[in-house]
Amino acid sequence: MPAWLQLMIDSFWPLLSAGLIFTVPLTLITFVLGILLGFLVALARLYGPTPLVALVRCYVWLVRGTPLLVQLFLIFYGLPSAGIVLDAFTAAVIGFTLNIGAYSSEIIRATLAAIPKGQWEAAHSIGMSWPQAMRRVILPQAARIAVPPLSNTFISLVKDTSLAAVTVPELFQAAQRLASVTYEPLILYVETALIYLLFSSVLSTLQDRLERRLTHKETREVAL
């Protein structure tokens, strides 16, 4: 067996386990928290008072205008100088959550704004309150529009977690450690890229199935 193939076989489980133990949980936790934050920011942008709108607009502007890596360094290495010390995983969660929250808020805001005003009027005409109209009428329609771009954000997040390698022992940091020992960076980084590709491909398949399911459901509702 070629030496390079043996190296890939020997390193596959250490790399995959790092992805399963750190990369996947980090992705799932930050995506869920980021979507919740993005939803609240989108509601504030659309329906909040002027001071709150200005505040969340500033937040989105700051996050979208600065590199994610700088944000992670600021949280992990910068905050301790202000007396706020966070462990590596918590700092990564906060950094990615704030980043995803800003980007997803724009997606959610656009999808909510795309729902015709007649839907609100119809909901109110049958006695629904604002929260009921939002939950039963507006959000189901907005979700079908938002799924594709939010799914793409989720897939991008899987790859962006490699930026946390400076602090969190996730997949890419595991590859860096192995490369420093074996002196075979090309083989190990190619294998790392293939594992990221595997994760992304699985998520892309799930995204396609979800989109088809929502489209099929919408078609049935229209037919009825």
N, C-alpha and C. Protein backbone atom coordinates (compact mmCIF):
# COMPACT_ATOMS: atom_id res chain seq x y z
N MET A 1 0.84 -1.20 0.00
CA MET A 1 0.00 0.00 0.00
C MET A 1 0.88 1.25 0.00
N PRO A 2 0.56 2.23 -0.86
CA PRO A 2 1.36 3.47 -0.88
C PRO A 2 1.34 4.17 0.48
N ALA A 3 2.45 4.83 0.77
CA ALA A 3 2.56 5.50 2.08
C ALA A 3 1.50 6.59 2.23
N TRP A 4 1.19 7.32 1.14
CA TRP A 4 0.21 8.41 1.24
C TRP A 4 -1.18 7.87 1.54
N LEU A 5 -1.50 6.70 0.97
CA LEU A 5 -2.82 6.11 1.23
C LEU A 5 -2.91 5.60 2.66
N GLN A 6 -1.83 5.01 3.15
CA GLN A 6 -1.81 4.54 4.53
C GLN A 6 -1.97 5.71 5.50
N LEU A 7 -1.33 6.84 5.17
CA LEU A 7 -1.46 8.03 6.01
C LEU A 7 -2.90 8.52 6.03
N MET A 8 -3.57 8.53 4.88
CA MET A 8 -4.95 8.98 4.83
C MET A 8 -5.86 8.06 5.63
N ILE A 9 -5.59 6.76 5.56
CA ILE A 9 -6.40 5.80 6.32
C ILE A 9 -6.18 6.00 7.82
N ASP A 10 -4.91 6.15 8.22
CA ASP A 10 -4.60 6.30 9.65
C ASP A 10 -5.14 7.61 10.22
N SER A 11 -5.19 8.65 9.40
CA SER A 11 -5.61 9.97 9.90
C SER A 11 -7.10 10.22 9.73
N PHE A 12 -7.79 9.32 9.02
CA PHE A 12 -9.20 9.58 8.73
C PHE A 12 -10.03 9.69 10.00
N TRP A 13 -9.90 8.75 10.91
CA TRP A 13 -10.73 8.79 12.11
C TRP A 13 -10.38 9.98 13.02
N PRO A 14 -9.10 10.28 13.27
CA PRO A 14 -8.82 11.48 14.07
C PRO A 14 -9.42 12.75 13.48
N LEU A 15 -9.36 12.87 12.15
CA LEU A 15 -9.94 14.05 11.51
C LEU A 15 -11.46 14.03 11.59
N LEU A 16 -12.06 12.89 11.28
CA LEU A 16 -13.52 12.79 11.30
C LEU A 16 -14.06 12.99 12.71
N SER A 17 -13.39 12.41 13.71
CA SER A 17 -13.86 12.55 15.09
C SER A 17 -13.79 14.01 15.54
N ALA A 18 -12.74 14.73 15.11
CA ALA A 18 -12.66 16.16 15.44
C ALA A 18 -13.83 16.91 14.82
N GLY A 19 -14.20 16.52 13.61
CA GLY A 19 -15.35 17.16 12.96
C GLY A 19 -16.65 16.85 13.67
N LEU A 20 -16.81 15.59 14.10
CA LEU A 20 -18.05 15.19 14.76
C LEU A 20 -18.15 15.74 16.18
N ILE A 21 -17.03 15.87 16.86
CA ILE A 21 -17.04 16.30 18.25
C ILE A 21 -17.09 17.81 18.38
N PHE A 22 -16.43 18.53 17.47
CA PHE A 22 -16.35 19.98 17.59
C PHE A 22 -17.01 20.72 16.43
N THR A 23 -16.68 20.36 15.19
CA THR A 23 -17.18 21.13 14.05
C THR A 23 -18.70 21.04 13.94
N VAL A 24 -19.25 19.84 13.99
CA VAL A 24 -20.70 19.68 13.84
C VAL A 24 -21.47 20.33 14.99
N PRO A 25 -21.12 20.05 16.26
CA PRO A 25 -21.83 20.74 17.35
C PRO A 25 -21.71 22.26 17.28
N LEU A 26 -20.51 22.76 16.96
CA LEU A 26 -20.32 24.20 16.85
C LEU A 26 -21.22 24.77 15.76
N THR A 27 -21.32 24.08 14.65
CA THR A 27 -22.18 24.52 13.55
C THR A 27 -23.64 24.54 13.96
N LEU A 28 -24.11 23.45 14.56
CA LEU A 28 -25.53 23.34 14.92
C LEU A 28 -25.92 24.38 15.98
N ILE A 29 -25.09 24.50 17.02
CA ILE A 29 -25.42 25.42 18.11
C ILE A 29 -25.46 26.86 17.60
N THR A 30 -24.43 27.26 16.86
CA THR A 30 -24.37 28.64 16.41
C THR A 30 -25.43 28.95 15.36
N PHE A 31 -25.78 27.96 14.55
CA PHE A 31 -26.81 28.22 13.54
C PHE A 31 -28.17 28.44 14.20
N VAL A 32 -28.52 27.59 15.16
CA VAL A 32 -29.81 27.74 15.85
C VAL A 32 -29.86 29.07 16.59
N LEU A 33 -28.82 29.38 17.34
CA LEU A 33 -28.79 30.65 18.08
C LEU A 33 -28.76 31.83 17.11
N GLY A 34 -28.02 31.70 16.01
CA GLY A 34 -27.94 32.78 15.04
C GLY A 34 -29.28 33.05 14.36
N ILE A 35 -30.03 31.98 14.05
CA ILE A 35 -31.34 32.16 13.44
C ILE A 35 -32.30 32.84 14.41
N LEU A 36 -32.26 32.43 15.68
CA LEU A 36 -33.11 33.08 16.68
C LEU A 36 -32.75 34.56 16.82
N LEU A 37 -31.46 34.85 16.88
CA LEU A 37 -31.02 36.24 16.96
C LEU A 37 -31.42 37.00 15.71
N GLY A 38 -31.24 36.38 14.54
CA GLY A 38 -31.60 37.03 13.28
C GLY A 38 -33.09 37.32 13.20
N PHE A 39 -33.90 36.41 13.72
CA PHE A 39 -35.35 36.63 13.71
C PHE A 39 -35.72 37.83 14.58
N LEU A 40 -35.12 37.92 15.75
CA LEU A 40 -35.41 39.05 16.64
C LEU A 40 -34.93 40.37 16.03
N VAL A 41 -33.76 40.33 15.40
CA VAL A 41 -33.24 41.53 14.76
C VAL A 41 -34.13 41.95 13.59
N ALA A 42 -34.60 40.97 12.82
CA ALA A 42 -35.48 41.28 11.69
C ALA A 42 -36.79 41.89 12.16
N LEU A 43 -37.36 41.35 13.24
CA LEU A 43 -38.59 41.93 13.79
C LEU A 43 -38.34 43.35 14.28
N ALA A 44 -37.18 43.57 14.91
CA ALA A 44 -36.85 44.92 15.38
C ALA A 44 -36.71 45.88 14.22
N ARG A 45 -36.08 45.42 13.12
CA ARG A 45 -35.92 46.28 11.95
C ARG A 45 -37.26 46.65 11.32
N LEU A 46 -38.19 45.71 11.32
CA LEU A 46 -39.47 45.93 10.64
C LEU A 46 -40.51 46.62 11.51
N TYR A 47 -40.55 46.28 12.79
CA TYR A 47 -41.66 46.73 13.63
C TYR A 47 -41.23 47.46 14.90
N GLY A 48 -39.92 47.62 15.12
CA GLY A 48 -39.46 48.23 16.36
C GLY A 48 -39.50 49.75 16.32
N PRO A 49 -39.35 50.37 17.48
CA PRO A 49 -39.27 51.84 17.54
C PRO A 49 -37.98 52.33 16.91
N THR A 50 -37.94 53.60 16.59
CA THR A 50 -36.81 54.17 15.87
C THR A 50 -35.45 53.95 16.57
N PRO A 51 -35.33 54.16 17.89
CA PRO A 51 -34.02 53.92 18.53
C PRO A 51 -33.56 52.47 18.39
N LEU A 52 -34.50 51.53 18.52
CA LEU A 52 -34.15 50.11 18.40
C LEU A 52 -33.75 49.78 16.96
N VAL A 53 -34.45 50.35 16.01
CA VAL A 53 -34.11 50.14 14.60
C VAL A 53 -32.70 50.63 14.32
N ALA A 54 -32.35 51.79 14.84
CA ALA A 54 -31.01 52.33 14.65
C ALA A 54 -29.95 51.44 15.29
N LEU A 55 -30.27 50.89 16.45
CA LEU A 55 -29.32 50.03 17.16
C LEU A 55 -29.04 48.74 16.39
N VAL A 56 -30.09 48.07 15.92
CA VAL A 56 -29.89 46.81 15.22
C VAL A 56 -29.28 47.04 13.83
N ARG A 57 -29.60 48.17 13.21
CA ARG A 57 -28.96 48.50 11.93
C ARG A 57 -27.45 48.68 12.11
N CYS A 58 -27.07 49.30 13.22
CA CYS A 58 -25.65 49.49 13.51
C CYS A 58 -24.98 48.13 13.75
N TYR A 59 -25.65 47.25 14.45
CA TYR A 59 -25.12 45.90 14.70
C TYR A 59 -24.89 45.15 13.39
N VAL A 60 -25.88 45.17 12.52
CA VAL A 60 -25.75 44.49 11.22
C VAL A 60 -24.63 45.11 10.40
N TRP A 61 -24.55 46.41 10.43
CA TRP A 61 -23.51 47.13 9.67
C TRP A 61 -22.12 46.75 10.16
N LEU A 62 -21.93 46.70 11.47
CA LEU A 62 -20.63 46.37 12.03
C LEU A 62 -20.22 44.94 11.70
N VAL A 63 -21.15 44.01 11.87
CA VAL A 63 -20.82 42.59 11.65
C VAL A 63 -20.56 42.31 10.18
N ARG A 64 -21.40 42.86 9.30
CA ARG A 64 -21.23 42.60 7.87
C ARG A 64 -20.04 43.34 7.28
N GLY A 65 -19.59 44.37 7.96
CA GLY A 65 -18.49 45.17 7.43
C GLY A 65 -17.12 44.79 7.94
N THR A 66 -17.04 43.80 8.83
CA THR A 66 -15.75 43.38 9.37
C THR A 66 -15.55 41.88 9.13
N PRO A 67 -14.31 41.43 8.95
CA PRO A 67 -14.06 40.00 8.70
C PRO A 67 -14.43 39.14 9.91
N LEU A 68 -14.93 37.95 9.63
CA LEU A 68 -15.30 37.03 10.70
C LEU A 68 -14.09 36.67 11.56
N LEU A 69 -12.94 36.48 10.94
CA LEU A 69 -11.75 36.12 11.71
C LEU A 69 -11.38 37.21 12.70
N VAL A 70 -11.53 38.46 12.29
CA VAL A 70 -11.25 39.59 13.19
C VAL A 70 -12.23 39.57 14.36
N GLN A 71 -13.48 39.27 14.09
CA GLN A 71 -14.49 39.21 15.14
C GLN A 71 -14.15 38.12 16.16
N LEU A 72 -13.71 36.95 15.67
CA LEU A 72 -13.34 35.86 16.57
C LEU A 72 -12.12 36.23 17.43
N PHE A 73 -11.14 36.87 16.81
CA PHE A 73 -9.96 37.29 17.56
C PHE A 73 -10.32 38.36 18.59
N LEU A 74 -11.22 39.25 18.22
CA LEU A 74 -11.63 40.31 19.14
C LEU A 74 -12.30 39.73 20.38
N ILE A 75 -13.14 38.70 20.17
CA ILE A 75 -13.87 38.11 21.30
C ILE A 75 -12.93 37.28 22.17
N PHE A 76 -12.09 36.45 21.54
CA PHE A 76 -11.26 35.52 22.32
C PHE A 76 -10.01 36.18 22.90
N TYR A 77 -9.35 37.02 22.10
CA TYR A 77 -8.10 37.63 22.55
C TYR A 77 -8.27 39.06 23.04
N GLY A 78 -9.32 39.75 22.56
CA GLY A 78 -9.49 41.14 22.93
C GLY A 78 -10.25 41.35 24.22
N LEU A 79 -11.31 40.58 24.43
CA LEU A 79 -12.14 40.78 25.63
C LEU A 79 -11.40 40.55 26.94
N PRO A 80 -10.43 39.61 27.02
CA PRO A 80 -9.71 39.46 28.30
C PRO A 80 -9.06 40.73 28.79
N SER A 81 -8.65 41.61 27.87
CA SER A 81 -8.05 42.88 28.31
C SER A 81 -9.07 43.78 28.99
N ALA A 82 -10.37 43.49 28.76
CA ALA A 82 -11.44 44.24 29.42
C ALA A 82 -11.99 43.46 30.61
N GLY A 83 -11.31 42.38 30.98
CA GLY A 83 -11.72 41.59 32.14
C GLY A 83 -12.74 40.51 31.83
N ILE A 84 -13.02 40.26 30.56
CA ILE A 84 -13.99 39.23 30.17
C ILE A 84 -13.23 38.07 29.55
N VAL A 85 -13.11 36.97 30.27
CA VAL A 85 -12.35 35.81 29.81
C VAL A 85 -13.33 34.69 29.47
N LEU A 86 -13.27 34.21 28.25
CA LEU A 86 -14.15 33.15 27.78
C LEU A 86 -13.32 31.96 27.33
N ASP A 87 -13.86 30.75 27.54
CA ASP A 87 -13.15 29.59 26.99
C ASP A 87 -13.30 29.58 25.48
N ALA A 88 -12.47 28.79 24.82
CA ALA A 88 -12.37 28.83 23.35
C ALA A 88 -13.71 28.50 22.68
N PHE A 89 -14.38 27.46 23.15
CA PHE A 89 -15.62 27.05 22.50
C PHE A 89 -16.70 28.10 22.68
N THR A 90 -16.83 28.65 23.88
CA THR A 90 -17.83 29.69 24.13
C THR A 90 -17.56 30.92 23.28
N ALA A 91 -16.30 31.30 23.17
CA ALA A 91 -15.95 32.46 22.35
C ALA A 91 -16.31 32.22 20.89
N ALA A 92 -16.07 30.99 20.41
CA ALA A 92 -16.41 30.66 19.03
C ALA A 92 -17.92 30.69 18.82
N VAL A 93 -18.67 30.17 19.79
CA VAL A 93 -20.14 30.18 19.69
C VAL A 93 -20.66 31.61 19.62
N ILE A 94 -20.16 32.47 20.48
CA ILE A 94 -20.61 33.87 20.48
C ILE A 94 -20.26 34.55 19.16
N GLY A 95 -19.03 34.34 18.70
CA GLY A 95 -18.60 34.99 17.46
C GLY A 95 -19.42 34.55 16.26
N PHE A 96 -19.61 33.25 16.10
CA PHE A 96 -20.37 32.75 14.96
C PHE A 96 -21.85 33.10 15.08
N THR A 97 -22.37 33.10 16.31
CA THR A 97 -23.78 33.45 16.50
C THR A 97 -24.04 34.90 16.09
N LEU A 98 -23.18 35.81 16.52
CA LEU A 98 -23.35 37.21 16.15
C LEU A 98 -23.23 37.39 14.63
N ASN A 99 -22.33 36.64 14.01
CA ASN A 99 -22.15 36.75 12.57
C ASN A 99 -23.35 36.20 11.81
N ILE A 100 -23.79 35.01 12.18
CA ILE A 100 -24.95 34.41 11.52
C ILE A 100 -26.20 35.23 11.79
N GLY A 101 -26.32 35.76 13.00
CA GLY A 101 -27.49 36.58 13.33
C GLY A 101 -27.62 37.79 12.43
N ALA A 102 -26.51 38.44 12.13
CA ALA A 102 -26.55 39.63 11.27
C ALA A 102 -26.95 39.27 9.85
N TYR A 103 -26.33 38.24 9.30
CA TYR A 103 -26.62 37.87 7.91
C TYR A 103 -28.02 37.27 7.77
N SER A 104 -28.41 36.40 8.70
CA SER A 104 -29.73 35.79 8.60
C SER A 104 -30.84 36.80 8.84
N SER A 105 -30.57 37.86 9.61
CA SER A 105 -31.60 38.87 9.86
C SER A 105 -32.02 39.55 8.56
N GLU A 106 -31.07 39.76 7.67
CA GLU A 106 -31.40 40.39 6.39
C GLU A 106 -32.24 39.46 5.53
N ILE A 107 -31.93 38.15 5.58
CA ILE A 107 -32.73 37.17 4.83
C ILE A 107 -34.15 37.11 5.37
N ILE A 108 -34.26 37.02 6.70
CA ILE A 108 -35.58 36.91 7.33
C ILE A 108 -36.37 38.19 7.13
N ARG A 109 -35.72 39.33 7.24
CA ARG A 109 -36.41 40.61 7.05
C ARG A 109 -36.97 40.70 5.63
N ALA A 110 -36.18 40.28 4.66
CA ALA A 110 -36.63 40.35 3.28
C ALA A 110 -37.80 39.40 3.02
N THR A 111 -37.76 38.23 3.62
CA THR A 111 -38.86 37.27 3.40
C THR A 111 -40.14 37.74 4.09
N LEU A 112 -40.02 38.31 5.27
CA LEU A 112 -41.21 38.83 5.95
C LEU A 112 -41.81 40.00 5.19
N ALA A 113 -40.93 40.86 4.67
CA ALA A 113 -41.42 42.02 3.90
C ALA A 113 -42.03 41.60 2.58
N ALA A 114 -41.66 40.40 2.09
CA ALA A 114 -42.19 39.94 0.80
C ALA A 114 -43.61 39.39 0.89
N ILE A 115 -44.08 39.12 2.11
CA ILE A 115 -45.44 38.61 2.27
C ILE A 115 -46.43 39.75 2.02
N PRO A 116 -47.38 39.57 1.12
CA PRO A 116 -48.33 40.66 0.80
C PRO A 116 -49.08 41.15 2.03
N LYS A 117 -49.36 42.44 2.07
CA LYS A 117 -50.10 43.01 3.20
C LYS A 117 -51.50 42.43 3.30
N GLY A 118 -52.01 41.94 2.17
CA GLY A 118 -53.34 41.34 2.21
C GLY A 118 -53.41 40.14 3.13
N GLN A 119 -52.28 39.46 3.32
CA GLN A 119 -52.26 38.31 4.24
C GLN A 119 -52.48 38.76 5.68
N TRP A 120 -51.85 39.90 6.03
CA TRP A 120 -52.10 40.46 7.36
C TRP A 120 -53.55 40.86 7.51
N GLU A 121 -54.08 41.54 6.50
CA GLU A 121 -55.46 42.01 6.56
C GLU A 121 -56.44 40.85 6.66
N ALA A 122 -56.18 39.78 5.92
CA ALA A 122 -57.06 38.61 5.98
C ALA A 122 -57.03 37.98 7.36
N ALA A 123 -55.83 37.90 7.95
CA ALA A 123 -55.71 37.32 9.28
C ALA A 123 -56.43 38.16 10.32
N HIS A 124 -56.28 39.48 10.23
CA HIS A 124 -56.95 40.35 11.19
C HIS A 124 -58.47 40.33 11.00
N SER A 125 -58.90 40.13 9.76
CA SER A 125 -60.34 40.14 9.49
C SER A 125 -61.07 38.97 10.12
N ILE A 126 -60.35 37.89 10.39
CA ILE A 126 -60.99 36.73 11.04
C ILE A 126 -60.68 36.70 12.54
N GLY A 127 -60.19 37.81 13.06
CA GLY A 127 -60.03 37.96 14.50
C GLY A 127 -58.69 37.55 15.07
N MET A 128 -57.70 37.33 14.24
CA MET A 128 -56.38 36.96 14.75
C MET A 128 -55.65 38.18 15.31
N SER A 129 -54.96 37.97 16.39
CA SER A 129 -54.10 39.03 16.93
C SER A 129 -52.80 39.06 16.13
N TRP A 130 -51.96 40.08 16.42
CA TRP A 130 -50.69 40.17 15.69
C TRP A 130 -49.83 38.93 15.88
N PRO A 131 -49.63 38.45 17.13
CA PRO A 131 -48.82 37.23 17.29
C PRO A 131 -49.44 36.02 16.58
N GLN A 132 -50.77 35.88 16.64
CA GLN A 132 -51.41 34.76 15.97
C GLN A 132 -51.24 34.83 14.46
N ALA A 133 -51.40 36.02 13.90
CA ALA A 133 -51.22 36.19 12.46
C ALA A 133 -49.78 35.89 12.05
N MET A 134 -48.84 36.33 12.86
CA MET A 134 -47.44 36.07 12.56
C MET A 134 -47.15 34.57 12.60
N ARG A 135 -47.66 33.89 13.62
CA ARG A 135 -47.34 32.47 13.80
C ARG A 135 -48.08 31.57 12.83
N ARG A 136 -49.33 31.87 12.55
CA ARG A 136 -50.16 30.96 11.76
C ARG A 136 -50.20 31.29 10.26
N VAL A 137 -49.98 32.54 9.92
CA VAL A 137 -50.15 32.95 8.52
C VAL A 137 -48.84 33.41 7.89
N ILE A 138 -48.14 34.33 8.56
CA ILE A 138 -46.98 34.96 7.94
C ILE A 138 -45.76 34.04 7.97
N LEU A 139 -45.42 33.49 9.14
CA LEU A 139 -44.21 32.69 9.25
C LEU A 139 -44.21 31.45 8.36
N PRO A 140 -45.32 30.70 8.26
CA PRO A 140 -45.29 29.54 7.35
C PRO A 140 -44.97 29.91 5.91
N GLN A 141 -45.51 31.04 5.44
CA GLN A 141 -45.23 31.47 4.07
C GLN A 141 -43.79 31.98 3.94
N ALA A 142 -43.35 32.72 4.94
CA ALA A 142 -41.98 33.26 4.90
C ALA A 142 -40.95 32.15 4.97
N ALA A 143 -41.26 31.08 5.71
CA ALA A 143 -40.31 29.98 5.86
C ALA A 143 -39.99 29.33 4.53
N ARG A 144 -41.01 29.21 3.66
CA ARG A 144 -40.78 28.57 2.36
C ARG A 144 -39.86 29.41 1.49
N ILE A 145 -39.92 30.73 1.66
CA ILE A 145 -39.04 31.60 0.89
C ILE A 145 -37.63 31.60 1.48
N ALA A 146 -37.56 31.52 2.80
CA ALA A 146 -36.27 31.69 3.48
C ALA A 146 -35.43 30.43 3.52
N VAL A 147 -36.04 29.25 3.33
CA VAL A 147 -35.30 28.01 3.47
C VAL A 147 -34.07 27.93 2.56
N PRO A 148 -34.17 28.19 1.26
CA PRO A 148 -32.97 28.07 0.41
C PRO A 148 -31.81 28.97 0.84
N PRO A 149 -32.01 30.28 1.03
CA PRO A 149 -30.86 31.10 1.44
C PRO A 149 -30.34 30.77 2.83
N LEU A 150 -31.23 30.41 3.76
CA LEU A 150 -30.77 30.05 5.10
C LEU A 150 -30.02 28.73 5.07
N SER A 151 -30.45 27.81 4.21
CA SER A 151 -29.73 26.54 4.07
C SER A 151 -28.33 26.77 3.52
N ASN A 152 -28.22 27.68 2.56
CA ASN A 152 -26.90 28.01 2.03
C ASN A 152 -26.01 28.63 3.10
N THR A 153 -26.61 29.43 3.96
CA THR A 153 -25.86 30.02 5.08
C THR A 153 -25.37 28.93 6.02
N PHE A 154 -26.21 27.92 6.25
CA PHE A 154 -25.84 26.81 7.12
C PHE A 154 -24.67 26.03 6.54
N ILE A 155 -24.71 25.76 5.24
CA ILE A 155 -23.63 25.03 4.59
C ILE A 155 -22.33 25.84 4.63
N SER A 156 -22.44 27.15 4.42
CA SER A 156 -21.26 28.01 4.50
C SER A 156 -20.68 28.03 5.91
N LEU A 157 -21.56 27.94 6.90
CA LEU A 157 -21.10 27.95 8.29
C LEU A 157 -20.23 26.73 8.59
N VAL A 158 -20.59 25.58 8.02
CA VAL A 158 -19.79 24.38 8.23
C VAL A 158 -18.34 24.63 7.84
N LYS A 159 -18.16 25.28 6.71
CA LYS A 159 -16.80 25.58 6.23
C LYS A 159 -16.15 26.72 7.02
N ASP A 160 -16.96 27.70 7.42
CA ASP A 160 -16.41 28.84 8.15
C ASP A 160 -15.89 28.46 9.53
N THR A 161 -16.37 27.33 10.08
CA THR A 161 -15.87 26.92 11.40
C THR A 161 -14.38 26.65 11.39
N SER A 162 -13.80 26.46 10.21
CA SER A 162 -12.34 26.26 10.13
C SER A 162 -11.60 27.49 10.66
N LEU A 163 -12.25 28.65 10.63
CA LEU A 163 -11.62 29.86 11.15
C LEU A 163 -11.41 29.79 12.66
N ALA A 164 -12.17 28.90 13.32
CA ALA A 164 -12.02 28.76 14.77
C ALA A 164 -10.85 27.85 15.13
N ALA A 165 -10.10 27.39 14.12
CA ALA A 165 -8.98 26.48 14.38
C ALA A 165 -7.91 27.11 15.26
N VAL A 166 -7.89 28.45 15.31
CA VAL A 166 -6.89 29.12 16.15
C VAL A 166 -7.19 28.93 17.63
N THR A 167 -8.42 28.55 17.96
CA THR A 167 -8.80 28.42 19.37
C THR A 167 -9.44 27.07 19.69
N VAL A 168 -10.25 26.54 18.78
CA VAL A 168 -11.03 25.33 19.05
C VAL A 168 -10.42 24.14 18.31
N PRO A 169 -10.26 22.98 18.97
CA PRO A 169 -9.67 21.81 18.31
C PRO A 169 -10.64 21.12 17.35
N GLU A 170 -11.11 21.87 16.36
CA GLU A 170 -12.06 21.30 15.40
C GLU A 170 -11.29 20.63 14.26
N LEU A 171 -11.98 20.32 13.18
CA LEU A 171 -11.43 19.52 12.10
C LEU A 171 -10.14 20.10 11.53
N PHE A 172 -10.13 21.37 11.21
CA PHE A 172 -8.95 21.95 10.56
C PHE A 172 -7.77 22.02 11.52
N GLN A 173 -8.02 22.29 12.80
CA GLN A 173 -6.91 22.32 13.75
C GLN A 173 -6.32 20.92 13.92
N ALA A 174 -7.19 19.89 13.89
CA ALA A 174 -6.70 18.52 13.96
C ALA A 174 -5.79 18.21 12.78
N ALA A 175 -6.16 18.70 11.59
CA ALA A 175 -5.32 18.49 10.41
C ALA A 175 -3.99 19.22 10.56
N GLN A 176 -4.02 20.41 11.13
CA GLN A 176 -2.78 21.16 11.34
C GLN A 176 -1.84 20.43 12.29
N ARG A 177 -2.40 19.85 13.36
CA ARG A 177 -1.58 19.12 14.31
C ARG A 177 -0.95 17.89 13.66
N LEU A 178 -1.74 17.15 12.90
CA LEU A 178 -1.21 15.95 12.24
C LEU A 178 -0.15 16.32 11.20
N ALA A 179 -0.38 17.43 10.49
CA ALA A 179 0.58 17.86 9.47
C ALA A 179 1.91 18.25 10.10
N SER A 180 1.87 18.83 11.30
CA SER A 180 3.10 19.24 11.97
C SER A 180 3.91 18.04 12.46
N VAL A 181 3.24 16.90 12.63
CA VAL A 181 3.91 15.69 13.10
C VAL A 181 4.40 14.83 11.94
N THR A 182 3.55 14.69 10.92
CA THR A 182 3.87 13.81 9.80
C THR A 182 4.64 14.50 8.68
N TYR A 183 4.63 15.82 8.66
CA TYR A 183 5.26 16.61 7.59
C TYR A 183 4.68 16.27 6.22
N GLU A 184 3.39 15.99 6.21
CA GLU A 184 2.68 15.70 4.96
C GLU A 184 1.45 16.62 4.86
N PRO A 185 1.65 17.92 4.77
CA PRO A 185 0.49 18.84 4.78
C PRO A 185 -0.42 18.68 3.56
N LEU A 186 0.16 18.39 2.40
CA LEU A 186 -0.66 18.28 1.19
C LEU A 186 -1.68 17.16 1.32
N ILE A 187 -1.23 15.99 1.73
CA ILE A 187 -2.12 14.84 1.86
C ILE A 187 -3.19 15.10 2.91
N LEU A 188 -2.79 15.62 4.05
CA LEU A 188 -3.73 15.82 5.15
C LEU A 188 -4.72 16.94 4.86
N TYR A 189 -4.28 18.00 4.21
CA TYR A 189 -5.20 19.08 3.89
C TYR A 189 -6.17 18.68 2.78
N VAL A 190 -5.71 17.85 1.85
CA VAL A 190 -6.63 17.31 0.84
C VAL A 190 -7.69 16.44 1.51
N GLU A 191 -7.26 15.60 2.43
CA GLU A 191 -8.21 14.75 3.14
C GLU A 191 -9.19 15.59 3.97
N THR A 192 -8.68 16.65 4.59
CA THR A 192 -9.55 17.55 5.35
C THR A 192 -10.59 18.19 4.44
N ALA A 193 -10.15 18.63 3.26
CA ALA A 193 -11.08 19.22 2.30
C ALA A 193 -12.15 18.22 1.89
N LEU A 194 -11.78 16.95 1.74
CA LEU A 194 -12.74 15.92 1.36
C LEU A 194 -13.77 15.68 2.47
N ILE A 195 -13.32 15.77 3.72
CA ILE A 195 -14.26 15.59 4.84
C ILE A 195 -15.22 16.77 4.91
N TYR A 196 -14.70 17.98 4.73
CA TYR A 196 -15.60 19.13 4.65
C TYR A 196 -16.59 18.97 3.49
N LEU A 197 -16.09 18.47 2.37
CA LEU A 197 -16.96 18.24 1.22
C LEU A 197 -18.03 17.21 1.54
N LEU A 198 -17.67 16.19 2.32
CA LEU A 198 -18.64 15.18 2.74
C LEU A 198 -19.74 15.79 3.59
N PHE A 199 -19.34 16.59 4.59
CA PHE A 199 -20.33 17.26 5.44
C PHE A 199 -21.25 18.15 4.61
N SER A 200 -20.65 18.94 3.72
CA SER A 200 -21.44 19.87 2.91
C SER A 200 -22.38 19.13 1.96
N SER A 201 -21.92 18.01 1.41
CA SER A 201 -22.76 17.24 0.49
C SER A 201 -23.96 16.65 1.20
N VAL A 202 -23.76 16.16 2.42
CA VAL A 202 -24.88 15.63 3.19
C VAL A 202 -25.90 16.73 3.47
N LEU A 203 -25.41 17.90 3.86
CA LEU A 203 -26.32 19.02 4.14
C LEU A 203 -27.03 19.49 2.88
N SER A 204 -26.33 19.49 1.75
CA SER A 204 -26.95 19.89 0.49
C SER A 204 -28.07 18.93 0.10
N THR A 205 -27.85 17.65 0.34
CA THR A 205 -28.89 16.66 0.06
C THR A 205 -30.12 16.88 0.94
N LEU A 206 -29.89 17.14 2.22
CA LEU A 206 -31.00 17.42 3.13
C LEU A 206 -31.73 18.70 2.73
N GLN A 207 -30.96 19.70 2.28
CA GLN A 207 -31.57 20.95 1.83
C GLN A 207 -32.47 20.71 0.63
N ASP A 208 -32.02 19.93 -0.33
CA ASP A 208 -32.82 19.64 -1.52
C ASP A 208 -34.11 18.93 -1.15
N ARG A 209 -34.01 17.99 -0.23
CA ARG A 209 -35.21 17.25 0.19
C ARG A 209 -36.20 18.17 0.90
N LEU A 210 -35.67 19.05 1.74
CA LEU A 210 -36.55 19.98 2.46
C LEU A 210 -37.24 20.92 1.48
N GLU A 211 -36.51 21.43 0.51
CA GLU A 211 -37.10 22.35 -0.48
C GLU A 211 -38.17 21.64 -1.30
N ARG A 212 -37.89 20.40 -1.70
CA ARG A 212 -38.89 19.65 -2.47
C ARG A 212 -40.14 19.38 -1.63
N ARG A 213 -39.94 19.10 -0.36
CA ARG A 213 -41.08 18.85 0.53
C ARG A 213 -41.93 20.09 0.69
N LEU A 214 -41.28 21.23 0.89
CA LEU A 214 -42.03 22.48 1.03
C LEU A 214 -42.74 22.85 -0.26
N THR A 215 -42.07 22.63 -1.39
CA THR A 215 -42.70 22.93 -2.69
C THR A 215 -43.89 22.02 -2.93
N HIS A 216 -43.75 20.75 -2.60
CA HIS A 216 -44.84 19.81 -2.76
C HIS A 216 -46.01 20.17 -1.87
N LYS A 217 -45.70 20.58 -0.63
CA LYS A 217 -46.77 20.98 0.30
C LYS A 217 -47.50 22.21 -0.20
N GLU A 218 -46.73 23.18 -0.73
CA GLU A 218 -47.34 24.40 -1.25
C GLU A 218 -48.23 24.08 -2.46
N THR A 219 -47.78 23.18 -3.33
CA THR A 219 -48.55 22.81 -4.49
C THR A 219 -49.86 22.15 -4.09
N ARG A 220 -49.81 21.31 -3.08
CA ARG A 220 -51.04 20.65 -2.60
C ARG A 220 -52.01 21.66 -2.02
N GLU A 221 -51.47 22.64 -1.27
CA GLU A 221 -52.34 23.64 -0.66
C GLU A 221 -53.02 24.50 -1.73
N VAL A 222 -52.25 24.84 -2.79
CA VAL A 222 -52.82 25.62 -3.87
C VAL A 222 -53.92 24.82 -4.58
N ALA A 223 -53.66 23.53 -4.78
CA ALA A 223 -54.63 22.67 -5.46
C ALA A 223 -55.92 22.55 -4.65
N LEU A 224 -55.75 22.51 -3.33
CA LEU A 224 -56.94 22.42 -2.48
C LEU A 224 -57.70 23.72 -2.43
